[in-house]
């Protein structure tokens, strides 16, 4: 699992996307490996908190489009959904430490965590529409659950970058901090959570998620159906070709 750095620090498990050469773009294998690590962690009462971050200049730039010829995009979608389910169902609180881009499914993964602390140089982007796709990884539920329909529509249909400062103002994330203090602030939050009553944290997490994300499976099913059709479209193939040639795609709606 070299693409994911795993480090235990007392009651805190630190997991880091370790593909800095592609801004931590994820493949189905990376997502599966992370899900496996988290599933094992769920059974370990000695782990009180999980911190998820990215190496290099990004949290995660989303799905790795350069691997589409090696693995079907649908495989990445399936793996992403399994990861989102796992993050939300974990008994331990999960803290996302975000710097640089959290884009595409990288944004979905961050928002599936229980706390998102981001540096002022971070941004969040549902960039799917730019390659002829729709938001997935639970984003069609996670985003409006936090900030409402109007803002979710803006992020989903325009695909523009949302600066971390605005994300915090909107309530999309927990807090925005100076880049120089991100690690310390994340560590302080992780320490605070690790000293809290674990059974109470688990019960509270499950109750809040049940009240706000109770239709997660319906959302993931809708996303999978819609995305599967879009992955077969000419627009997506056009976007892939444009991505590889570093051109702007022209979409025909086919």
C-alpha atoms as a PDB file:
ATOM      1  CA  UNK A   1       0.000   0.000   0.000  1.00  0.00           C
ATOM      2  CA  UNK A   2       2.814   2.400  -0.924  1.00  0.00           C
ATOM      3  CA  UNK A   3       0.289   4.896  -2.331  1.00  0.00           C
ATOM      4  CA  UNK A   4      -1.084   5.345   1.177  1.00  0.00           C
ATOM      5  CA  UNK A   5       1.214   6.155   4.053  1.00  0.00           C
ATOM      6  CA  UNK A   6      -0.023   4.660   7.321  1.00  0.00           C
ATOM      7  CA  UNK A   7       1.384   5.892  10.620  1.00  0.00           C
ATOM      8  CA  UNK A   8       0.174   5.186  14.148  1.00  0.00           C
ATOM      9  CA  UNK A   9       0.688   7.937  16.707  1.00  0.00           C
ATOM     10  CA  UNK A  10      -0.682   6.593  19.978  1.00  0.00           C
ATOM     11  CA  UNK A  11      -4.511   6.667  19.708  1.00  0.00           C
ATOM     12  CA  UNK A  12      -4.334   8.551  16.392  1.00  0.00           C
ATOM     13  CA  UNK A  13      -4.038   6.761  13.059  1.00  0.00           C
ATOM     14  CA  UNK A  14      -2.634   8.978  10.322  1.00  0.00           C
ATOM     15  CA  UNK A  15      -3.395   7.999   6.723  1.00  0.00           C
ATOM     16  CA  UNK A  16      -1.884   9.994   3.883  1.00  0.00           C
ATOM     17  CA  UNK A  17      -2.489   9.827   0.144  1.00  0.00           C
ATOM     18  CA  UNK A  18       1.036   9.370  -1.164  1.00  0.00           C
ATOM     19  CA  UNK A  19       0.907  10.109  -4.900  1.00  0.00           C
ATOM     20  CA  UNK A  20       2.256  13.663  -4.926  1.00  0.00           C
ATOM     21  CA  UNK A  21       3.472  13.371  -8.537  1.00  0.00           C
ATOM     22  CA  UNK A  22      -0.201  13.402  -9.662  1.00  0.00           C
ATOM     23  CA  UNK A  23      -1.507  15.647  -6.869  1.00  0.00           C
ATOM     24  CA  UNK A  24      -2.756  12.508  -5.102  1.00  0.00           C
ATOM     25  CA  UNK A  25      -5.174  11.575  -7.875  1.00  0.00           C
ATOM     26  CA  UNK A  26      -6.732   8.265  -6.874  1.00  0.00           C
ATOM     27  CA  UNK A  27      -7.212   4.960  -8.653  1.00  0.00           C
ATOM     28  CA  UNK A  28      -9.613   2.191  -7.756  1.00  0.00           C
ATOM     29  CA  UNK A  29      -6.701   0.350  -6.110  1.00  0.00           C
ATOM     30  CA  UNK A  30      -5.819   3.331  -3.918  1.00  0.00           C
ATOM     31  CA  UNK A  31      -9.446   3.668  -2.858  1.00  0.00           C
ATOM     32  CA  UNK A  32      -9.728  -0.065  -2.137  1.00  0.00           C
ATOM     33  CA  UNK A  33      -6.538  -0.012  -0.085  1.00  0.00           C
ATOM     34  CA  UNK A  34      -7.782   2.908   1.977  1.00  0.00           C
ATOM     35  CA  UNK A  35     -11.123   1.184   2.547  1.00  0.00           C
ATOM     36  CA  UNK A  36      -9.294  -1.936   3.714  1.00  0.00           C
ATOM     37  CA  UNK A  37      -7.179   0.040   6.183  1.00  0.00           C
ATOM     38  CA  UNK A  38     -10.227   1.813   7.563  1.00  0.00           C
ATOM     39  CA  UNK A  39     -12.205  -1.412   7.872  1.00  0.00           C
ATOM     40  CA  UNK A  40      -9.395  -2.942   9.920  1.00  0.00           C
ATOM     41  CA  UNK A  41      -9.230   0.197  12.052  1.00  0.00           C
ATOM     42  CA  UNK A  42     -12.937   0.027  12.852  1.00  0.00           C
ATOM     43  CA  UNK A  43     -12.257  -3.123  14.860  1.00  0.00           C
ATOM     44  CA  UNK A  44      -9.354  -1.637  16.829  1.00  0.00           C
ATOM     45  CA  UNK A  45     -10.535   0.058  20.034  1.00  0.00           C
ATOM     46  CA  UNK A  46      -7.024   1.439  20.619  1.00  0.00           C
ATOM     47  CA  UNK A  47      -7.497   3.772  17.641  1.00  0.00           C
ATOM     48  CA  UNK A  48      -9.578   6.709  18.821  1.00  0.00           C
ATOM     49  CA  UNK A  49      -9.164   9.134  15.902  1.00  0.00           C
ATOM     50  CA  UNK A  50      -8.194   8.962  12.228  1.00  0.00           C
ATOM     51  CA  UNK A  51      -6.499  11.808  10.368  1.00  0.00           C
ATOM     52  CA  UNK A  52      -6.619  11.747   6.568  1.00  0.00           C
ATOM     53  CA  UNK A  53      -4.325  14.004   4.538  1.00  0.00           C
ATOM     54  CA  UNK A  54      -2.384  14.261   1.292  1.00  0.00           C
ATOM     55  CA  UNK A  55       1.347  14.383   0.592  1.00  0.00           C
ATOM     56  CA  UNK A  56       2.923  17.137  -1.454  1.00  0.00           C
ATOM     57  CA  UNK A  57       0.857  20.033  -2.785  1.00  0.00           C
ATOM     58  CA  UNK A  58      -2.654  18.588  -2.569  1.00  0.00           C
ATOM     59  CA  UNK A  59      -5.188  16.667  -0.565  1.00  0.00           C
ATOM     60  CA  UNK A  60      -6.448  14.931  -3.721  1.00  0.00           C
ATOM     61  CA  UNK A  61      -7.120  16.146  -7.240  1.00  0.00           C
ATOM     62  CA  UNK A  62      -9.760  13.456  -7.806  1.00  0.00           C
ATOM     63  CA  UNK A  63      -9.814  10.368  -9.993  1.00  0.00           C
ATOM     64  CA  UNK A  64      -6.661   9.634 -11.982  1.00  0.00           C
ATOM     65  CA  UNK A  65      -7.821   9.999 -15.582  1.00  0.00           C
ATOM     66  CA  UNK A  66      -4.472   8.774 -16.877  1.00  0.00           C
ATOM     67  CA  UNK A  67      -5.364   5.239 -15.752  1.00  0.00           C
ATOM     68  CA  UNK A  68      -8.698   5.016 -17.584  1.00  0.00           C
ATOM     69  CA  UNK A  69      -7.240   2.671 -20.216  1.00  0.00           C
ATOM     70  CA  UNK A  70      -5.966   0.327 -17.491  1.00  0.00           C
ATOM     71  CA  UNK A  71      -9.068   0.203 -15.301  1.00  0.00           C
ATOM     72  CA  UNK A  72     -12.672   1.024 -16.261  1.00  0.00           C
ATOM     73  CA  UNK A  73     -13.911   4.292 -14.729  1.00  0.00           C
ATOM     74  CA  UNK A  74     -16.843   2.352 -13.299  1.00  0.00           C
ATOM     75  CA  UNK A  75     -14.399   0.455 -11.092  1.00  0.00           C
ATOM     76  CA  UNK A  76     -13.198   3.722  -9.569  1.00  0.00           C
ATOM     77  CA  UNK A  77     -16.798   4.794  -8.989  1.00  0.00           C
ATOM     78  CA  UNK A  78     -17.592   1.533  -7.193  1.00  0.00           C
ATOM     79  CA  UNK A  79     -14.441   1.773  -5.070  1.00  0.00           C
ATOM     80  CA  UNK A  80     -15.161   5.405  -4.189  1.00  0.00           C
ATOM     81  CA  UNK A  81     -18.666   4.548  -3.018  1.00  0.00           C
ATOM     82  CA  UNK A  82     -17.338   1.768  -0.806  1.00  0.00           C
ATOM     83  CA  UNK A  83     -14.863   4.190   0.735  1.00  0.00           C
ATOM     84  CA  UNK A  84     -17.551   6.808   1.400  1.00  0.00           C
ATOM     85  CA  UNK A  85     -19.766   4.207   3.095  1.00  0.00           C
ATOM     86  CA  UNK A  86     -16.845   3.108   5.237  1.00  0.00           C
ATOM     87  CA  UNK A  87     -15.845   6.622   6.303  1.00  0.00           C
ATOM     88  CA  UNK A  88     -19.383   7.480   7.354  1.00  0.00           C
ATOM     89  CA  UNK A  89     -19.942   4.166   9.170  1.00  0.00           C
ATOM     90  CA  UNK A  90     -16.645   4.181  11.097  1.00  0.00           C
ATOM     91  CA  UNK A  91     -17.099   4.315  14.870  1.00  0.00           C
ATOM     92  CA  UNK A  92     -14.104   6.649  15.207  1.00  0.00           C
ATOM     93  CA  UNK A  93     -14.216  10.330  14.219  1.00  0.00           C
ATOM     94  CA  UNK A  94     -12.241  11.146  11.069  1.00  0.00           C
ATOM     95  CA  UNK A  95     -10.465  14.444  10.533  1.00  0.00           C
ATOM     96  CA  UNK A  96      -9.548  15.557   7.013  1.00  0.00           C
ATOM     97  CA  UNK A  97      -6.495  17.817   6.825  1.00  0.00           C
ATOM     98  CA  UNK A  98      -6.815  19.639   3.520  1.00  0.00           C
ATOM     99  CA  UNK A  99      -4.300  21.791   1.688  1.00  0.00           C
ATOM    100  CA  UNK A 100      -4.237  22.578  -2.003  1.00  0.00           C
ATOM    101  CA  UNK A 101      -6.969  21.029  -4.132  1.00  0.00           C
ATOM    102  CA  UNK A 102      -9.694  18.726  -2.884  1.00  0.00           C
ATOM    103  CA  UNK A 103     -11.315  18.187  -6.267  1.00  0.00           C
ATOM    104  CA  UNK A 104     -13.701  15.694  -7.815  1.00  0.00           C
ATOM    105  CA  UNK A 105     -13.927  12.548  -5.742  1.00  0.00           C
ATOM    106  CA  UNK A 106     -11.152  14.026  -3.578  1.00  0.00           C
ATOM    107  CA  UNK A 107     -13.681  16.640  -2.479  1.00  0.00           C
ATOM    108  CA  UNK A 108     -16.263  13.912  -1.808  1.00  0.00           C
ATOM    109  CA  UNK A 109     -13.793  11.993   0.352  1.00  0.00           C
ATOM    110  CA  UNK A 110     -12.927  15.067   2.408  1.00  0.00           C
ATOM    111  CA  UNK A 111     -16.587  15.902   3.005  1.00  0.00           C
ATOM    112  CA  UNK A 112     -17.346  12.334   4.091  1.00  0.00           C
ATOM    113  CA  UNK A 113     -14.990  12.897   7.028  1.00  0.00           C
ATOM    114  CA  UNK A 114     -16.450  14.204  10.272  1.00  0.00           C
ATOM    115  CA  UNK A 115     -14.221  17.273  10.465  1.00  0.00           C
ATOM    116  CA  UNK A 116     -12.534  19.144   7.646  1.00  0.00           C
ATOM    117  CA  UNK A 117      -9.750  21.533   8.585  1.00  0.00           C
ATOM    118  CA  UNK A 118      -8.340  23.359   5.586  1.00  0.00           C
ATOM    119  CA  UNK A 119      -5.529  25.811   5.077  1.00  0.00           C
ATOM    120  CA  UNK A 120      -6.210  29.122   3.370  1.00  0.00           C
ATOM    121  CA  UNK A 121      -4.445  27.840   0.242  1.00  0.00           C
ATOM    122  CA  UNK A 122      -6.933  24.980  -0.111  1.00  0.00           C
ATOM    123  CA  UNK A 123      -9.930  24.871  -2.407  1.00  0.00           C
ATOM    124  CA  UNK A 124     -12.842  22.530  -3.003  1.00  0.00           C
ATOM    125  CA  UNK A 125     -14.128  21.743  -6.465  1.00  0.00           C
ATOM    126  CA  UNK A 126     -16.764  19.449  -7.916  1.00  0.00           C
ATOM    127  CA  UNK A 127     -14.962  19.467 -11.246  1.00  0.00           C
ATOM    128  CA  UNK A 128     -16.912  16.554 -12.735  1.00  0.00           C
ATOM    129  CA  UNK A 129     -18.909  18.692 -15.167  1.00  0.00           C
ATOM    130  CA  UNK A 130     -15.678  19.830 -16.808  1.00  0.00           C
ATOM    131  CA  UNK A 131     -15.134  16.274 -18.087  1.00  0.00           C
ATOM    132  CA  UNK A 132     -18.765  15.590 -18.945  1.00  0.00           C
ATOM    133  CA  UNK A 133     -19.623  13.821 -15.700  1.00  0.00           C
ATOM    134  CA  UNK A 134     -21.787  14.415 -12.628  1.00  0.00           C
ATOM    135  CA  UNK A 135     -20.689  14.603  -8.971  1.00  0.00           C
ATOM    136  CA  UNK A 136     -20.296  11.230  -7.302  1.00  0.00           C
ATOM    137  CA  UNK A 137     -18.826   9.728  -4.150  1.00  0.00           C
ATOM    138  CA  UNK A 138     -21.939  10.883  -2.300  1.00  0.00           C
ATOM    139  CA  UNK A 139     -21.306  14.546  -3.170  1.00  0.00           C
ATOM    140  CA  UNK A 140     -24.896  15.060  -4.345  1.00  0.00           C
ATOM    141  CA  UNK A 141     -25.942  14.440  -0.731  1.00  0.00           C
ATOM    142  CA  UNK A 142     -22.922  15.552   1.293  1.00  0.00           C
ATOM    143  CA  UNK A 143     -22.751  19.034  -0.233  1.00  0.00           C
ATOM    144  CA  UNK A 144     -26.433  20.071   0.033  1.00  0.00           C
ATOM    145  CA  UNK A 145     -26.613  18.494   3.503  1.00  0.00           C
ATOM    146  CA  UNK A 146     -24.017  21.046   4.580  1.00  0.00           C
ATOM    147  CA  UNK A 147     -24.780  24.163   2.551  1.00  0.00           C
ATOM    148  CA  UNK A 148     -28.213  23.796   0.934  1.00  0.00           C
ATOM    149  CA  UNK A 149     -29.575  23.294  -2.579  1.00  0.00           C
ATOM    150  CA  UNK A 150     -28.723  26.653  -4.183  1.00  0.00           C
ATOM    151  CA  UNK A 151     -25.032  26.533  -3.323  1.00  0.00           C
ATOM    152  CA  UNK A 152     -24.840  22.824  -4.128  1.00  0.00           C
ATOM    153  CA  UNK A 153     -26.273  23.543  -7.583  1.00  0.00           C
ATOM    154  CA  UNK A 154     -23.685  26.255  -8.128  1.00  0.00           C
ATOM    155  CA  UNK A 155     -20.796  23.964  -7.227  1.00  0.00           C
ATOM    156  CA  UNK A 156     -22.187  20.985  -9.176  1.00  0.00           C
ATOM    157  CA  UNK A 157     -23.254  22.702 -12.398  1.00  0.00           C
ATOM    158  CA  UNK A 158     -20.477  25.289 -12.718  1.00  0.00           C
ATOM    159  CA  UNK A 159     -17.610  23.200 -11.371  1.00  0.00           C
ATOM    160  CA  UNK A 160     -15.788  26.260 -10.093  1.00  0.00           C
ATOM    161  CA  UNK A 161     -13.204  26.337  -7.329  1.00  0.00           C
ATOM    162  CA  UNK A 162     -14.502  27.208  -3.873  1.00  0.00           C
ATOM    163  CA  UNK A 163     -11.751  28.788  -1.730  1.00  0.00           C
ATOM    164  CA  UNK A 164     -11.395  27.298   1.727  1.00  0.00           C
ATOM    165  CA  UNK A 165     -12.265  30.615   3.352  1.00  0.00           C
ATOM    166  CA  UNK A 166     -15.609  30.688   1.548  1.00  0.00           C
ATOM    167  CA  UNK A 167     -16.172  26.993   2.250  1.00  0.00           C
ATOM    168  CA  UNK A 168     -15.828  27.733   5.960  1.00  0.00           C
ATOM    169  CA  UNK A 169     -18.130  30.762   5.740  1.00  0.00           C
ATOM    170  CA  UNK A 170     -20.766  28.636   3.986  1.00  0.00           C
ATOM    171  CA  UNK A 171     -20.507  25.845   6.549  1.00  0.00           C
ATOM    172  CA  UNK A 172     -19.157  23.283   4.086  1.00  0.00           C
ATOM    173  CA  UNK A 173     -16.136  22.595   6.313  1.00  0.00           C
ATOM    174  CA  UNK A 174     -15.311  22.832  10.004  1.00  0.00           C
ATOM    175  CA  UNK A 175     -12.584  25.470   9.962  1.00  0.00           C
ATOM    176  CA  UNK A 176      -9.985  27.268   7.848  1.00  0.00           C
ATOM    177  CA  UNK A 177      -6.541  28.048   9.252  1.00  0.00           C
ATOM    178  CA  UNK A 178      -3.219  29.508   8.187  1.00  0.00           C
ATOM    179  CA  UNK A 179      -1.063  26.996   6.266  1.00  0.00           C
ATOM    180  CA  UNK A 180       1.683  27.281   8.869  1.00  0.00           C
ATOM    181  CA  UNK A 181      -0.668  26.165  11.647  1.00  0.00           C
ATOM    182  CA  UNK A 182      -2.662  23.462   9.826  1.00  0.00           C
ATOM    183  CA  UNK A 183      -0.694  20.541  11.256  1.00  0.00           C
ATOM    184  CA  UNK A 184      -0.775  21.886  14.802  1.00  0.00           C
ATOM    185  CA  UNK A 185      -4.495  22.656  14.630  1.00  0.00           C
ATOM    186  CA  UNK A 186      -5.248  19.197  13.250  1.00  0.00           C
ATOM    187  CA  UNK A 187      -3.107  17.629  15.979  1.00  0.00           C
ATOM    188  CA  UNK A 188      -4.884  19.636  18.673  1.00  0.00           C
ATOM    189  CA  UNK A 189      -8.299  18.540  17.410  1.00  0.00           C
ATOM    190  CA  UNK A 190      -7.166  14.912  17.122  1.00  0.00           C
ATOM    191  CA  UNK A 191      -5.804  15.001  20.672  1.00  0.00           C
ATOM    192  CA  UNK A 192      -9.021  16.504  21.993  1.00  0.00           C
ATOM    193  CA  UNK A 193     -11.109  13.840  20.274  1.00  0.00           C
ATOM    194  CA  UNK A 194      -8.796  11.044  21.427  1.00  0.00           C
ATOM    195  CA  UNK A 195      -9.399  12.054  25.051  1.00  0.00           C
ATOM    196  CA  UNK A 196     -13.199  12.182  24.736  1.00  0.00           C
ATOM    197  CA  UNK A 197     -15.504   9.297  25.644  1.00  0.00           C
ATOM    198  CA  UNK A 198     -15.302   6.969  22.609  1.00  0.00           C
ATOM    199  CA  UNK A 199     -18.728   5.388  23.032  1.00  0.00           C
ATOM    200  CA  UNK A 200     -20.335   8.819  23.252  1.00  0.00           C
ATOM    201  CA  UNK A 201     -18.500  10.011  20.128  1.00  0.00           C
ATOM    202  CA  UNK A 202     -19.631   6.942  18.187  1.00  0.00           C
ATOM    203  CA  UNK A 203     -23.245   7.306  19.300  1.00  0.00           C
ATOM    204  CA  UNK A 204     -23.309  11.015  18.460  1.00  0.00           C
ATOM    205  CA  UNK A 205     -21.690  10.477  15.066  1.00  0.00           C
ATOM    206  CA  UNK A 206     -24.174   7.766  14.126  1.00  0.00           C
ATOM    207  CA  UNK A 207     -27.155   9.830  15.283  1.00  0.00           C
ATOM    208  CA  UNK A 208     -26.122  12.954  13.369  1.00  0.00           C
ATOM    209  CA  UNK A 209     -25.350  10.949  10.223  1.00  0.00           C
ATOM    210  CA  UNK A 210     -28.678   9.123  10.458  1.00  0.00           C
ATOM    211  CA  UNK A 211     -30.513  12.440  10.699  1.00  0.00           C
ATOM    212  CA  UNK A 212     -28.635  14.161   7.862  1.00  0.00           C
ATOM    213  CA  UNK A 213     -27.342  11.380   5.596  1.00  0.00           C
ATOM    214  CA  UNK A 214     -30.073   8.788   6.014  1.00  0.00           C
ATOM    215  CA  UNK A 215     -30.665   8.590   2.264  1.00  0.00           C
ATOM    216  CA  UNK A 216     -26.999   7.969   1.445  1.00  0.00           C
ATOM    217  CA  UNK A 217     -27.657   4.658  -0.284  1.00  0.00           C
ATOM    218  CA  UNK A 218     -30.339   6.226  -2.484  1.00  0.00           C
ATOM    219  CA  UNK A 219     -27.923   9.008  -3.414  1.00  0.00           C
ATOM    220  CA  UNK A 220     -25.093   6.604  -4.221  1.00  0.00           C
ATOM    221  CA  UNK A 221     -27.462   4.531  -6.361  1.00  0.00           C
ATOM    222  CA  UNK A 222     -28.643   7.600  -8.313  1.00  0.00           C
ATOM    223  CA  UNK A 223     -25.063   8.729  -8.807  1.00  0.00           C
ATOM    224  CA  UNK A 224     -23.974   5.287  -9.981  1.00  0.00           C
ATOM    225  CA  UNK A 225     -26.803   5.067 -12.500  1.00  0.00           C
ATOM    226  CA  UNK A 226     -26.281   8.583 -13.824  1.00  0.00           C
ATOM    227  CA  UNK A 227     -22.502   8.368 -13.885  1.00  0.00           C
ATOM    228  CA  UNK A 228     -22.501   4.968 -15.604  1.00  0.00           C
ATOM    229  CA  UNK A 229     -24.509   6.433 -18.465  1.00  0.00           C
ATOM    230  CA  UNK A 230     -22.272   9.501 -18.673  1.00  0.00           C
ATOM    231  CA  UNK A 231     -19.127   7.361 -18.727  1.00  0.00           C
ATOM    232  CA  UNK A 232     -20.452   5.779 -21.926  1.00  0.00           C
ATOM    233  CA  UNK A 233     -21.213   9.124 -23.566  1.00  0.00           C
ATOM    234  CA  UNK A 234     -19.325  10.740 -26.415  1.00  0.00           C
ATOM    235  CA  UNK A 235     -18.951  13.838 -24.264  1.00  0.00           C
ATOM    236  CA  UNK A 236     -16.821  11.931 -21.746  1.00  0.00           C
ATOM    237  CA  UNK A 237     -14.658  10.441 -24.497  1.00  0.00           C
ATOM    238  CA  UNK A 238     -14.247  13.943 -25.918  1.00  0.00           C
ATOM    239  CA  UNK A 239     -13.228  15.215 -22.492  1.00  0.00           C
ATOM    240  CA  UNK A 240     -10.693  12.409 -22.081  1.00  0.00           C
ATOM    241  CA  UNK A 241      -9.111  13.188 -25.441  1.00  0.00           C
ATOM    242  CA  UNK A 242      -9.014  16.894 -24.580  1.00  0.00           C
ATOM    243  CA  UNK A 243      -7.462  16.110 -21.178  1.00  0.00           C
ATOM    244  CA  UNK A 244      -4.670  14.102 -22.790  1.00  0.00           C
ATOM    245  CA  UNK A 245      -3.958  16.754 -25.396  1.00  0.00           C
ATOM    246  CA  UNK A 246      -4.414  19.602 -22.895  1.00  0.00           C
ATOM    247  CA  UNK A 247      -7.177  21.148 -24.967  1.00  0.00           C
ATOM    248  CA  UNK A 248     -10.614  22.526 -24.093  1.00  0.00           C
ATOM    249  CA  UNK A 249     -13.349  19.970 -24.851  1.00  0.00           C
ATOM    250  CA  UNK A 250     -16.337  20.804 -27.045  1.00  0.00           C
ATOM    251  CA  UNK A 251     -19.422  18.985 -25.794  1.00  0.00           C
ATOM    252  CA  UNK A 252     -22.193  17.922 -28.177  1.00  0.00           C
ATOM    253  CA  UNK A 253     -24.610  16.424 -25.668  1.00  0.00           C
ATOM    254  CA  UNK A 254     -24.246  12.887 -26.984  1.00  0.00           C
END
